[in-house]
PDB file of all heavy atoms in Angstrom:
ATOM      1  N   ILE A   1     200.821 152.426  13.339  1.00  0.00           N
ATOM      2  CA  ILE A   1     201.070 153.871  13.587  1.00  0.00           C
ATOM      3  C   ILE A   1     202.295 154.009  14.404  1.00  0.00           C
ATOM      4  O   ILE A   1     202.715 153.137  15.158  1.00  0.00           O
ATOM      5  CB  ILE A   1     199.930 154.563  14.231  1.00  0.00           C
ATOM      6  CG1 ILE A   1     199.420 153.804  15.502  1.00  0.00           C
ATOM      7  CG2 ILE A   1     198.792 154.881  13.294  1.00  0.00           C
ATOM      8  CD1 ILE A   1     198.320 154.479  16.214  1.00  0.00           C
ATOM      9  N   ARG A   2     202.991 155.183  14.363  1.00  0.00           N
ATOM     10  CA  ARG A   2     204.217 155.464  15.147  1.00  0.00           C
ATOM     11  C   ARG A   2     203.884 156.597  16.052  1.00  0.00           C
ATOM     12  O   ARG A   2     204.457 157.744  15.884  1.00  0.00           O
ATOM     13  CB  ARG A   2     205.407 155.722  14.339  1.00  0.00           C
ATOM     14  CG  ARG A   2     205.873 154.442  13.566  1.00  0.00           C
ATOM     15  CD  ARG A   2     207.231 154.637  12.852  1.00  0.00           C
ATOM     16  NE  ARG A   2     208.301 154.875  13.841  1.00  0.00           N
ATOM     17  CZ  ARG A   2     209.089 156.004  13.835  1.00  0.00           C
ATOM     18  NH1 ARG A   2     208.852 156.918  12.940  1.00  0.00           N
ATOM     19  NH2 ARG A   2     209.968 156.184  14.767  1.00  0.00           N
ATOM     20  N   TYR A   3     203.000 156.406  16.979  1.00  0.00           N
ATOM     21  CA  TYR A   3     202.623 157.505  17.976  1.00  0.00           C
ATOM     22  C   TYR A   3     203.398 157.277  19.240  1.00  0.00           C
ATOM     23  O   TYR A   3     203.571 156.180  19.732  1.00  0.00           O
ATOM     24  CB  TYR A   3     201.121 157.447  18.333  1.00  0.00           C
ATOM     25  CG  TYR A   3     200.161 157.861  17.228  1.00  0.00           C
ATOM     26  CD1 TYR A   3     198.797 157.754  17.375  1.00  0.00           C
ATOM     27  CD2 TYR A   3     200.609 158.318  15.951  1.00  0.00           C
ATOM     28  CE1 TYR A   3     197.948 158.135  16.358  1.00  0.00           C
ATOM     29  CE2 TYR A   3     199.774 158.680  14.955  1.00  0.00           C
ATOM     30  CZ  TYR A   3     198.401 158.610  15.161  1.00  0.00           C
ATOM     31  OH  TYR A   3     197.527 158.972  14.164  1.00  0.00           O
ATOM     32  N   THR A   4     203.824 158.405  19.880  1.00  0.00           N
ATOM     33  CA  THR A   4     204.318 158.351  21.241  1.00  0.00           C
ATOM     34  C   THR A   4     203.621 159.343  22.067  1.00  0.00           C
ATOM     35  O   THR A   4     203.165 160.425  21.546  1.00  0.00           O
ATOM     36  CB  THR A   4     205.867 158.678  21.230  1.00  0.00           C
ATOM     37  OG1 THR A   4     206.097 160.037  20.685  1.00  0.00           O
ATOM     38  CG2 THR A   4     206.703 157.699  20.501  1.00  0.00           C
ATOM     39  N   MET A   5     203.447 159.040  23.386  1.00  0.00           N
ATOM     40  CA  MET A   5     202.877 159.972  24.324  1.00  0.00           C
ATOM     41  C   MET A   5     203.941 160.879  24.937  1.00  0.00           C
ATOM     42  O   MET A   5     205.134 160.454  24.970  1.00  0.00           O
ATOM     43  CB  MET A   5     202.138 159.256  25.455  1.00  0.00           C
ATOM     44  CG  MET A   5     201.074 158.177  24.976  1.00  0.00           C
ATOM     45  SD  MET A   5     199.744 158.917  24.047  1.00  0.00           S
ATOM     46  CE  MET A   5     198.928 159.887  25.345  1.00  0.00           C
ATOM     47  N   THR A   6     203.580 162.086  25.326  1.00  0.00           N
ATOM     48  CA  THR A   6     204.620 162.911  25.929  1.00  0.00           C
ATOM     49  C   THR A   6     205.072 162.288  27.221  1.00  0.00           C
ATOM     50  O   THR A   6     204.397 161.711  27.943  1.00  0.00           O
ATOM     51  CB  THR A   6     204.020 164.363  26.182  1.00  0.00           C
ATOM     52  OG1 THR A   6     202.866 164.177  26.885  1.00  0.00           O
ATOM     53  CG2 THR A   6     203.805 165.044  24.834  1.00  0.00           C
ATOM     54  N   SER A   7     206.305 162.568  27.590  1.00  0.00           N
ATOM     55  CA  SER A   7     206.901 161.987  28.739  1.00  0.00           C
ATOM     56  C   SER A   7     206.514 162.742  30.010  1.00  0.00           C
ATOM     57  O   SER A   7     205.958 163.795  29.972  1.00  0.00           O
ATOM     58  CB  SER A   7     208.454 161.930  28.708  1.00  0.00           C
ATOM     59  OG  SER A   7     208.926 163.237  28.597  1.00  0.00           O
ATOM     60  N   MET A   8     206.746 162.128  31.233  1.00  0.00           N
ATOM     61  CA  MET A   8     206.362 162.788  32.430  1.00  0.00           C
ATOM     62  C   MET A   8     207.532 163.475  33.007  1.00  0.00           C
ATOM     63  O   MET A   8     208.716 163.217  32.699  1.00  0.00           O
ATOM     64  CB  MET A   8     205.871 161.739  33.429  1.00  0.00           C
ATOM     65  CG  MET A   8     206.844 160.709  33.899  1.00  0.00           C
ATOM     66  SD  MET A   8     206.049 159.253  34.619  1.00  0.00           S
ATOM     67  CE  MET A   8     205.633 158.276  33.070  1.00  0.00           C
ATOM     68  N   ASN A   9     207.323 164.380  33.923  1.00  0.00           N
ATOM     69  CA  ASN A   9     208.451 165.148  34.566  1.00  0.00           C
ATOM     70  C   ASN A   9     209.112 164.361  35.582  1.00  0.00           C
ATOM     71  O   ASN A   9     208.471 163.873  36.464  1.00  0.00           O
ATOM     72  CB  ASN A   9     207.851 166.428  35.162  1.00  0.00           C
ATOM     73  CG  ASN A   9     208.840 167.308  35.840  1.00  0.00           C
ATOM     74  OD1 ASN A   9     209.734 167.819  35.239  1.00  0.00           O
ATOM     75  ND2 ASN A   9     208.729 167.483  37.189  1.00  0.00           N
ATOM     76  N   VAL A  10     210.426 164.197  35.492  1.00  0.00           N
ATOM     77  CA  VAL A  10     211.225 163.401  36.469  1.00  0.00           C
ATOM     78  C   VAL A  10     212.167 164.416  37.147  1.00  0.00           C
ATOM     79  O   VAL A  10     213.149 164.884  36.534  1.00  0.00           O
ATOM     80  CB  VAL A  10     211.994 162.286  35.812  1.00  0.00           C
ATOM     81  CG1 VAL A  10     212.817 161.566  36.814  1.00  0.00           C
ATOM     82  CG2 VAL A  10     211.131 161.375  35.117  1.00  0.00           C
ATOM     83  N   PRO A  11     212.025 164.688  38.469  1.00  0.00           N
ATOM     84  CA  PRO A  11     212.836 165.589  39.171  1.00  0.00           C
ATOM     85  C   PRO A  11     214.249 164.998  39.356  1.00  0.00           C
ATOM     86  O   PRO A  11     214.452 163.696  39.419  1.00  0.00           O
ATOM     87  CB  PRO A  11     212.142 165.776  40.578  1.00  0.00           C
ATOM     88  CG  PRO A  11     211.234 164.641  40.718  1.00  0.00           C
ATOM     89  CD  PRO A  11     210.933 164.121  39.283  1.00  0.00           C
ATOM     90  N   GLU A  12     215.300 165.809  39.507  1.00  0.00           N
ATOM     91  CA  GLU A  12     216.673 165.378  39.662  1.00  0.00           C
ATOM     92  C   GLU A  12     216.847 164.985  41.115  1.00  0.00           C
ATOM     93  O   GLU A  12     216.434 165.675  42.014  1.00  0.00           O
ATOM     94  CB  GLU A  12     217.588 166.530  39.357  1.00  0.00           C
ATOM     95  CG  GLU A  12     217.751 166.794  37.824  1.00  0.00           C
ATOM     96  CD  GLU A  12     218.338 165.620  37.067  1.00  0.00           C
ATOM     97  OE1 GLU A  12     219.450 165.149  37.576  1.00  0.00           O
ATOM     98  OE2 GLU A  12     217.845 165.200  36.039  1.00  0.00           O
ATOM     99  N   PRO A  13     217.669 163.941  41.364  1.00  0.00           N
ATOM    100  CA  PRO A  13     217.995 163.561  42.732  1.00  0.00           C
ATOM    101  C   PRO A  13     218.822 164.607  43.483  1.00  0.00           C
ATOM    102  O   PRO A  13     219.467 165.367  42.820  1.00  0.00           O
ATOM    103  CB  PRO A  13     218.845 162.296  42.597  1.00  0.00           C
ATOM    104  CG  PRO A  13     218.618 161.833  41.143  1.00  0.00           C
ATOM    105  CD  PRO A  13     218.291 163.014  40.356  1.00  0.00           C
ATOM    106  N   VAL A  14     218.647 164.690  44.722  1.00  0.00           N
ATOM    107  CA  VAL A  14     219.318 165.785  45.582  1.00  0.00           C
ATOM    108  C   VAL A  14     220.291 165.230  46.539  1.00  0.00           C
ATOM    109  O   VAL A  14     221.051 166.002  47.180  1.00  0.00           O
ATOM    110  CB  VAL A  14     218.222 166.695  46.320  1.00  0.00           C
ATOM    111  CG1 VAL A  14     217.442 167.447  45.340  1.00  0.00           C
ATOM    112  CG2 VAL A  14     217.406 165.887  47.176  1.00  0.00           C
ATOM    113  N   MET A  15     220.349 163.946  46.741  1.00  0.00           N
ATOM    114  CA  MET A  15     221.159 163.326  47.808  1.00  0.00           C
ATOM    115  C   MET A  15     221.733 162.001  47.366  1.00  0.00           C
ATOM    116  O   MET A  15     221.119 161.241  46.649  1.00  0.00           O
ATOM    117  CB  MET A  15     220.334 163.099  49.124  1.00  0.00           C
ATOM    118  CG  MET A  15     221.160 162.671  50.252  1.00  0.00           C
ATOM    119  SD  MET A  15     220.135 162.431  51.682  1.00  0.00           S
ATOM    120  CE  MET A  15     219.652 164.052  52.104  1.00  0.00           C
ATOM    121  N   SER A  16     222.986 161.711  47.818  1.00  0.00           N
ATOM    122  CA  SER A  16     223.641 160.474  47.393  1.00  0.00           C
ATOM    123  C   SER A  16     224.210 159.787  48.667  1.00  0.00           C
ATOM    124  O   SER A  16     224.473 160.376  49.733  1.00  0.00           O
ATOM    125  CB  SER A  16     224.818 160.782  46.487  1.00  0.00           C
ATOM    126  OG  SER A  16     224.310 161.390  45.318  1.00  0.00           O
ATOM    127  N   LEU A  17     224.381 158.441  48.513  1.00  0.00           N
ATOM    128  CA  LEU A  17     224.951 157.627  49.560  1.00  0.00           C
ATOM    129  C   LEU A  17     225.969 156.669  48.885  1.00  0.00           C
ATOM    130  O   LEU A  17     225.658 156.221  47.777  1.00  0.00           O
ATOM    131  CB  LEU A  17     223.938 156.729  50.273  1.00  0.00           C
ATOM    132  CG  LEU A  17     222.999 157.346  51.318  1.00  0.00           C
ATOM    133  CD1 LEU A  17     222.032 156.335  51.809  1.00  0.00           C
ATOM    134  CD2 LEU A  17     223.740 157.904  52.467  1.00  0.00           C
ATOM    135  N   ALA A  18     227.070 156.386  49.537  1.00  0.00           N
ATOM    136  CA  ALA A  18     227.954 155.301  49.098  1.00  0.00           C
ATOM    137  C   ALA A  18     227.473 153.999  49.760  1.00  0.00           C
ATOM    138  O   ALA A  18     227.324 153.901  50.969  1.00  0.00           O
ATOM    139  CB  ALA A  18     229.407 155.585  49.484  1.00  0.00           C
ATOM    140  N   VAL A  19     227.234 152.937  48.969  1.00  0.00           N
ATOM    141  CA  VAL A  19     226.830 151.624  49.507  1.00  0.00           C
ATOM    142  C   VAL A  19     227.639 150.515  48.955  1.00  0.00           C
ATOM    143  O   VAL A  19     228.099 150.578  47.759  1.00  0.00           O
ATOM    144  CB  VAL A  19     225.255 151.318  49.221  1.00  0.00           C
ATOM    145  CG1 VAL A  19     224.373 152.252  49.997  1.00  0.00           C
ATOM    146  CG2 VAL A  19     225.014 151.397  47.729  1.00  0.00           C
ATOM    147  N   GLN A  20     227.915 149.473  49.767  1.00  0.00           N
ATOM    148  CA  GLN A  20     228.590 148.358  49.272  1.00  0.00           C
ATOM    149  C   GLN A  20     228.175 147.180  50.088  1.00  0.00           C
ATOM    150  O   GLN A  20     227.914 147.260  51.283  1.00  0.00           O
ATOM    151  CB  GLN A  20     230.098 148.590  49.326  1.00  0.00           C
ATOM    152  CG  GLN A  20     230.710 148.834  50.688  1.00  0.00           C
ATOM    153  CD  GLN A  20     232.151 149.073  50.603  1.00  0.00           C
ATOM    154  OE1 GLN A  20     232.577 150.016  49.876  1.00  0.00           O
ATOM    155  NE2 GLN A  20     232.966 148.286  51.263  1.00  0.00           N
ATOM    156  N   PRO A  21     228.177 145.978  49.527  1.00  0.00           N
ATOM    157  CA  PRO A  21     227.711 144.766  50.218  1.00  0.00           C
ATOM    158  C   PRO A  21     228.810 144.432  51.261  1.00  0.00           C
ATOM    159  O   PRO A  21     229.971 144.522  50.944  1.00  0.00           O
ATOM    160  CB  PRO A  21     227.591 143.729  49.145  1.00  0.00           C
ATOM    161  CG  PRO A  21     228.389 144.211  47.973  1.00  0.00           C
ATOM    162  CD  PRO A  21     228.395 145.682  48.025  1.00  0.00           C
ATOM    163  N   VAL A  22     228.422 143.853  52.408  1.00  0.00           N
ATOM    164  CA  VAL A  22     229.353 143.454  53.430  1.00  0.00           C
ATOM    165  C   VAL A  22     230.127 142.280  52.930  1.00  0.00           C
ATOM    166  O   VAL A  22     231.369 142.170  53.052  1.00  0.00           O
ATOM    167  CB  VAL A  22     228.531 143.134  54.721  1.00  0.00           C
ATOM    168  CG1 VAL A  22     229.523 142.522  55.754  1.00  0.00           C
ATOM    169  CG2 VAL A  22     227.846 144.332  55.273  1.00  0.00           C
ATOM    170  N   SER A  23     229.392 141.295  52.334  1.00  0.00           N
ATOM    171  CA  SER A  23     230.045 140.060  51.844  1.00  0.00           C
ATOM    172  C   SER A  23     230.298 140.226  50.323  1.00  0.00           C
ATOM    173  O   SER A  23     229.383 140.587  49.556  1.00  0.00           O
ATOM    174  CB  SER A  23     229.134 138.894  52.064  1.00  0.00           C
ATOM    175  OG  SER A  23     229.558 137.751  51.342  1.00  0.00           O
ATOM    176  N   LYS A  24     231.539 139.806  49.802  1.00  0.00           N
ATOM    177  CA  LYS A  24     231.801 139.911  48.424  1.00  0.00           C
ATOM    178  C   LYS A  24     231.019 138.885  47.613  1.00  0.00           C
ATOM    179  O   LYS A  24     230.765 139.067  46.441  1.00  0.00           O
ATOM    180  CB  LYS A  24     233.322 139.607  48.191  1.00  0.00           C
ATOM    181  CG  LYS A  24     234.210 140.816  48.698  1.00  0.00           C
ATOM    182  CD  LYS A  24     235.698 140.571  48.368  1.00  0.00           C
ATOM    183  CE  LYS A  24     236.468 141.786  48.761  1.00  0.00           C
ATOM    184  NZ  LYS A  24     237.887 141.584  48.562  1.00  0.00           N
ATOM    185  N   ASP A  25     230.583 137.813  48.301  1.00  0.00           N
ATOM    186  CA  ASP A  25     229.810 136.718  47.656  1.00  0.00           C
ATOM    187  C   ASP A  25     228.439 137.173  47.207  1.00  0.00           C
ATOM    188  O   ASP A  25     227.797 136.639  46.339  1.00  0.00           O
ATOM    189  CB  ASP A  25     229.637 135.568  48.554  1.00  0.00           C
ATOM    190  CG  ASP A  25     231.013 134.896  48.942  1.00  0.00           C
ATOM    191  OD1 ASP A  25     231.934 135.085  48.147  1.00  0.00           O
ATOM    192  OD2 ASP A  25     231.062 134.234  49.941  1.00  0.00           O
ATOM    193  N   SER A  26     227.935 138.250  47.894  1.00  0.00           N
ATOM    194  CA  SER A  26     226.611 138.753  47.552  1.00  0.00           C
ATOM    195  C   SER A  26     226.572 139.860  46.503  1.00  0.00           C
ATOM    196  O   SER A  26     225.581 140.480  46.331  1.00  0.00           O
ATOM    197  CB  SER A  26     225.887 139.207  48.823  1.00  0.00           C
ATOM    198  OG  SER A  26     226.672 140.204  49.483  1.00  0.00           O
ATOM    199  N   GLY A  27     227.709 140.100  45.855  1.00  0.00           N
ATOM    200  CA  GLY A  27     227.819 141.135  44.785  1.00  0.00           C
ATOM    201  C   GLY A  27     226.838 140.972  43.708  1.00  0.00           C
ATOM    202  O   GLY A  27     226.311 142.024  43.198  1.00  0.00           O
ATOM    203  N   GLY A  28     226.559 139.740  43.291  1.00  0.00           N
ATOM    204  CA  GLY A  28     225.625 139.459  42.156  1.00  0.00           C
ATOM    205  C   GLY A  28     224.203 139.988  42.535  1.00  0.00           C
ATOM    206  O   GLY A  28     223.468 140.624  41.814  1.00  0.00           O
ATOM    207  N   GLN A  29     223.754 139.574  43.801  1.00  0.00           N
ATOM    208  CA  GLN A  29     222.437 139.884  44.222  1.00  0.00           C
ATOM    209  C   GLN A  29     222.277 141.398  44.402  1.00  0.00           C
ATOM    210  O   GLN A  29     221.275 142.042  44.163  1.00  0.00           O
ATOM    211  CB  GLN A  29     222.048 139.207  45.550  1.00  0.00           C
ATOM    212  CG  GLN A  29     221.722 137.738  45.373  1.00  0.00           C
ATOM    213  CD  GLN A  29     220.359 137.507  44.655  1.00  0.00           C
ATOM    214  OE1 GLN A  29     220.355 137.482  43.470  1.00  0.00           O
ATOM    215  NE2 GLN A  29     219.269 137.531  45.416  1.00  0.00           N
ATOM    216  N   PHE A  30     223.437 142.017  44.888  1.00  0.00           N
ATOM    217  CA  PHE A  30     223.416 143.455  45.133  1.00  0.00           C
ATOM    218  C   PHE A  30     223.239 144.164  43.815  1.00  0.00           C
ATOM    219  O   PHE A  30     222.390 145.115  43.754  1.00  0.00           O
ATOM    220  CB  PHE A  30     224.829 143.823  45.776  1.00  0.00           C
ATOM    221  CG  PHE A  30     225.023 145.271  46.071  1.00  0.00           C
ATOM    222  CD1 PHE A  30     224.228 145.848  47.116  1.00  0.00           C
ATOM    223  CD2 PHE A  30     225.890 146.018  45.412  1.00  0.00           C
ATOM    224  CE1 PHE A  30     224.454 147.207  47.371  1.00  0.00           C
ATOM    225  CE2 PHE A  30     226.199 147.351  45.707  1.00  0.00           C
ATOM    226  CZ  PHE A  30     225.360 147.962  46.715  1.00  0.00           C
ATOM    227  N   SER A  31     223.950 143.787  42.806  1.00  0.00           N
ATOM    228  CA  SER A  31     223.853 144.388  41.479  1.00  0.00           C
ATOM    229  C   SER A  31     222.429 144.211  40.874  1.00  0.00           C
ATOM    230  O   SER A  31     221.872 145.160  40.298  1.00  0.00           O
ATOM    231  CB  SER A  31     224.836 143.843  40.517  1.00  0.00           C
ATOM    232  OG  SER A  31     226.105 144.106  40.921  1.00  0.00           O
ATOM    233  N   LYS A  32     221.880 143.032  41.138  1.00  0.00           N
ATOM    234  CA  LYS A  32     220.566 142.708  40.629  1.00  0.00           C
ATOM    235  C   LYS A  32     219.509 143.668  41.274  1.00  0.00           C
ATOM    236  O   LYS A  32     218.629 144.149  40.551  1.00  0.00           O
ATOM    237  CB  LYS A  32     220.250 141.239  40.909  1.00  0.00           C
ATOM    238  CG  LYS A  32     219.022 140.698  40.220  1.00  0.00           C
ATOM    239  CD  LYS A  32     218.855 139.255  40.532  1.00  0.00           C
ATOM    240  CE  LYS A  32     217.549 138.694  40.050  1.00  0.00           C
ATOM    241  NZ  LYS A  32     217.331 137.241  40.472  1.00  0.00           N
ATOM    242  N   ALA A  33     219.635 143.871  42.571  1.00  0.00           N
ATOM    243  CA  ALA A  33     218.747 144.784  43.300  1.00  0.00           C
ATOM    244  C   ALA A  33     218.784 146.198  42.766  1.00  0.00           C
ATOM    245  O   ALA A  33     217.774 146.820  42.455  1.00  0.00           O
ATOM    246  CB  ALA A  33     219.076 144.676  44.780  1.00  0.00           C
ATOM    247  N   LEU A  34     220.064 146.658  42.630  1.00  0.00           N
ATOM    248  CA  LEU A  34     220.184 148.025  42.129  1.00  0.00           C
ATOM    249  C   LEU A  34     219.616 148.288  40.743  1.00  0.00           C
ATOM    250  O   LEU A  34     219.034 149.263  40.426  1.00  0.00           O
ATOM    251  CB  LEU A  34     221.706 148.506  42.250  1.00  0.00           C
ATOM    252  CG  LEU A  34     222.295 148.554  43.619  1.00  0.00           C
ATOM    253  CD1 LEU A  34     223.751 148.978  43.547  1.00  0.00           C
ATOM    254  CD2 LEU A  34     221.512 149.514  44.481  1.00  0.00           C
ATOM    255  N   ASN A  35     219.910 147.262  39.892  1.00  0.00           N
ATOM    256  CA  ASN A  35     219.357 147.316  38.519  1.00  0.00           C
ATOM    257  C   ASN A  35     217.845 147.401  38.489  1.00  0.00           C
ATOM    258  O   ASN A  35     217.234 148.146  37.754  1.00  0.00           O
ATOM    259  CB  ASN A  35     219.860 146.200  37.645  1.00  0.00           C
ATOM    260  CG  ASN A  35     221.350 146.282  37.358  1.00  0.00           C
ATOM    261  OD1 ASN A  35     221.913 147.392  37.306  1.00  0.00           O
ATOM    262  ND2 ASN A  35     221.991 145.176  37.060  1.00  0.00           N
ATOM    263  N   ARG A  36     217.203 146.506  39.289  1.00  0.00           N
ATOM    264  CA  ARG A  36     215.774 146.458  39.383  1.00  0.00           C
ATOM    265  C   ARG A  36     215.202 147.811  39.881  1.00  0.00           C
ATOM    266  O   ARG A  36     214.274 148.369  39.311  1.00  0.00           O
ATOM    267  CB  ARG A  36     215.343 145.367  40.336  1.00  0.00           C
ATOM    268  CG  ARG A  36     213.890 145.351  40.640  1.00  0.00           C
ATOM    269  CD  ARG A  36     213.505 144.484  41.788  1.00  0.00           C
ATOM    270  NE  ARG A  36     212.201 144.836  42.342  1.00  0.00           N
ATOM    271  CZ  ARG A  36     211.697 144.349  43.413  1.00  0.00           C
ATOM    272  NH1 ARG A  36     212.322 143.411  44.058  1.00  0.00           N
ATOM    273  NH2 ARG A  36     210.456 144.733  43.817  1.00  0.00           N
ATOM    274  N   PHE A  37     215.723 148.362  41.002  1.00  0.00           N
ATOM    275  CA  PHE A  37     215.183 149.543  41.585  1.00  0.00           C
ATOM    276  C   PHE A  37     215.402 150.694  40.657  1.00  0.00           C
ATOM    277  O   PHE A  37     214.511 151.634  40.536  1.00  0.00           O
ATOM    278  CB  PHE A  37     215.825 149.861  42.980  1.00  0.00           C
ATOM    279  CG  PHE A  37     215.586 148.806  44.029  1.00  0.00           C
ATOM    280  CD1 PHE A  37     216.515 148.486  44.964  1.00  0.00           C
ATOM    281  CD2 PHE A  37     214.370 148.131  44.041  1.00  0.00           C
ATOM    282  CE1 PHE A  37     216.292 147.456  45.943  1.00  0.00           C
ATOM    283  CE2 PHE A  37     214.139 147.149  44.974  1.00  0.00           C
ATOM    284  CZ  PHE A  37     215.071 146.804  45.928  1.00  0.00           C
ATOM    285  N   GLN A  38     216.553 150.712  39.951  1.00  0.00           N
ATOM    286  CA  GLN A  38     216.731 151.858  39.017  1.00  0.00           C
ATOM    287  C   GLN A  38     215.771 151.847  37.903  1.00  0.00           C
ATOM    288  O   GLN A  38     215.310 152.866  37.366  1.00  0.00           O
ATOM    289  CB  GLN A  38     218.222 151.750  38.506  1.00  0.00           C
ATOM    290  CG  GLN A  38     218.714 152.999  37.815  1.00  0.00           C
ATOM    291  CD  GLN A  38     220.164 152.917  37.520  1.00  0.00           C
ATOM    292  OE1 GLN A  38     220.781 153.924  37.308  1.00  0.00           O
ATOM    293  NE2 GLN A  38     220.715 151.721  37.379  1.00  0.00           N
ATOM    294  N   LYS A  39     215.393 150.653  37.444  1.00  0.00           N
ATOM    295  CA  LYS A  39     214.424 150.529  36.343  1.00  0.00           C
ATOM    296  C   LYS A  39     213.038 150.902  36.866  1.00  0.00           C
ATOM    297  O   LYS A  39     212.299 151.484  36.081  1.00  0.00           O
ATOM    298  CB  LYS A  39     214.465 149.055  35.853  1.00  0.00           C
ATOM    299  CG  LYS A  39     213.967 148.850  34.400  1.00  0.00           C
ATOM    300  CD  LYS A  39     214.232 147.457  33.974  1.00  0.00           C
ATOM    301  CE  LYS A  39     213.828 147.321  32.438  1.00  0.00           C
ATOM    302  NZ  LYS A  39     214.038 145.961  31.982  1.00  0.00           N
ATOM    303  N   GLU A  40     212.696 150.579  38.051  1.00  0.00           N
ATOM    304  CA  GLU A  40     211.385 150.819  38.608  1.00  0.00           C
ATOM    305  C   GLU A  40     211.161 152.318  38.919  1.00  0.00           C
ATOM    306  O   GLU A  40     210.039 152.855  38.674  1.00  0.00           O
ATOM    307  CB  GLU A  40     211.077 150.075  39.907  1.00  0.00           C
ATOM    308  CG  GLU A  40     210.846 148.573  39.702  1.00  0.00           C
ATOM    309  CD  GLU A  40     210.623 147.883  41.089  1.00  0.00           C
ATOM    310  OE1 GLU A  40     210.549 148.555  42.089  1.00  0.00           O
ATOM    311  OE2 GLU A  40     210.500 146.645  41.046  1.00  0.00           O
ATOM    312  N   ASP A  41     212.237 152.951  39.435  1.00  0.00           N
ATOM    313  CA  ASP A  41     212.059 154.317  39.940  1.00  0.00           C
ATOM    314  C   ASP A  41     213.018 155.302  39.193  1.00  0.00           C
ATOM    315  O   ASP A  41     214.216 155.299  39.437  1.00  0.00           O
ATOM    316  CB  ASP A  41     212.435 154.326  41.419  1.00  0.00           C
ATOM    317  CG  ASP A  41     212.231 155.674  42.108  1.00  0.00           C
ATOM    318  OD1 ASP A  41     211.991 156.687  41.383  1.00  0.00           O
ATOM    319  OD2 ASP A  41     212.297 155.721  43.300  1.00  0.00           O
ATOM    320  N   PRO A  42     212.505 156.193  38.313  1.00  0.00           N
ATOM    321  CA  PRO A  42     213.412 157.040  37.554  1.00  0.00           C
ATOM    322  C   PRO A  42     214.172 158.030  38.430  1.00  0.00           C
ATOM    323  O   PRO A  42     215.137 158.596  37.943  1.00  0.00           O
ATOM    324  CB  PRO A  42     212.420 157.790  36.674  1.00  0.00           C
ATOM    325  CG  PRO A  42     211.151 156.930  36.606  1.00  0.00           C
ATOM    326  CD  PRO A  42     211.080 156.335  37.943  1.00  0.00           C
ATOM    327  N   THR A  43     213.666 158.309  39.703  1.00  0.00           N
ATOM    328  CA  THR A  43     214.374 159.232  40.531  1.00  0.00           C
ATOM    329  C   THR A  43     215.480 158.558  41.405  1.00  0.00           C
ATOM    330  O   THR A  43     216.282 159.219  42.087  1.00  0.00           O
ATOM    331  CB  THR A  43     213.496 159.972  41.543  1.00  0.00           C
ATOM    332  OG1 THR A  43     212.854 158.965  42.365  1.00  0.00           O
ATOM    333  CG2 THR A  43     212.495 160.756  40.827  1.00  0.00           C
ATOM    334  N   PHE A  44     215.646 157.233  41.257  1.00  0.00           N
ATOM    335  CA  PHE A  44     216.655 156.482  41.971  1.00  0.00           C
ATOM    336  C   PHE A  44     217.798 156.158  40.959  1.00  0.00           C
ATOM    337  O   PHE A  44     217.629 155.526  39.891  1.00  0.00           O
ATOM    338  CB  PHE A  44     216.111 155.197  42.509  1.00  0.00           C
ATOM    339  CG  PHE A  44     217.099 154.250  43.167  1.00  0.00           C
ATOM    340  CD1 PHE A  44     217.606 154.613  44.433  1.00  0.00           C
ATOM    341  CD2 PHE A  44     217.643 153.161  42.582  1.00  0.00           C
ATOM    342  CE1 PHE A  44     218.531 153.814  45.157  1.00  0.00           C
ATOM    343  CE2 PHE A  44     218.558 152.336  43.242  1.00  0.00           C
ATOM    344  CZ  PHE A  44     219.024 152.697  44.487  1.00  0.00           C
TER     345      PHE A  44
END
């Protein structure tokens, strides 16, 4: 069957911050963290 459930309500973000890693060598881990958190939390 091709059933889908209705989606949940996701509020729009209201605040922003500029962030950047102190060390350029940690850019990979930094991107990995942001990708993970964005996938876990629809409001982030």
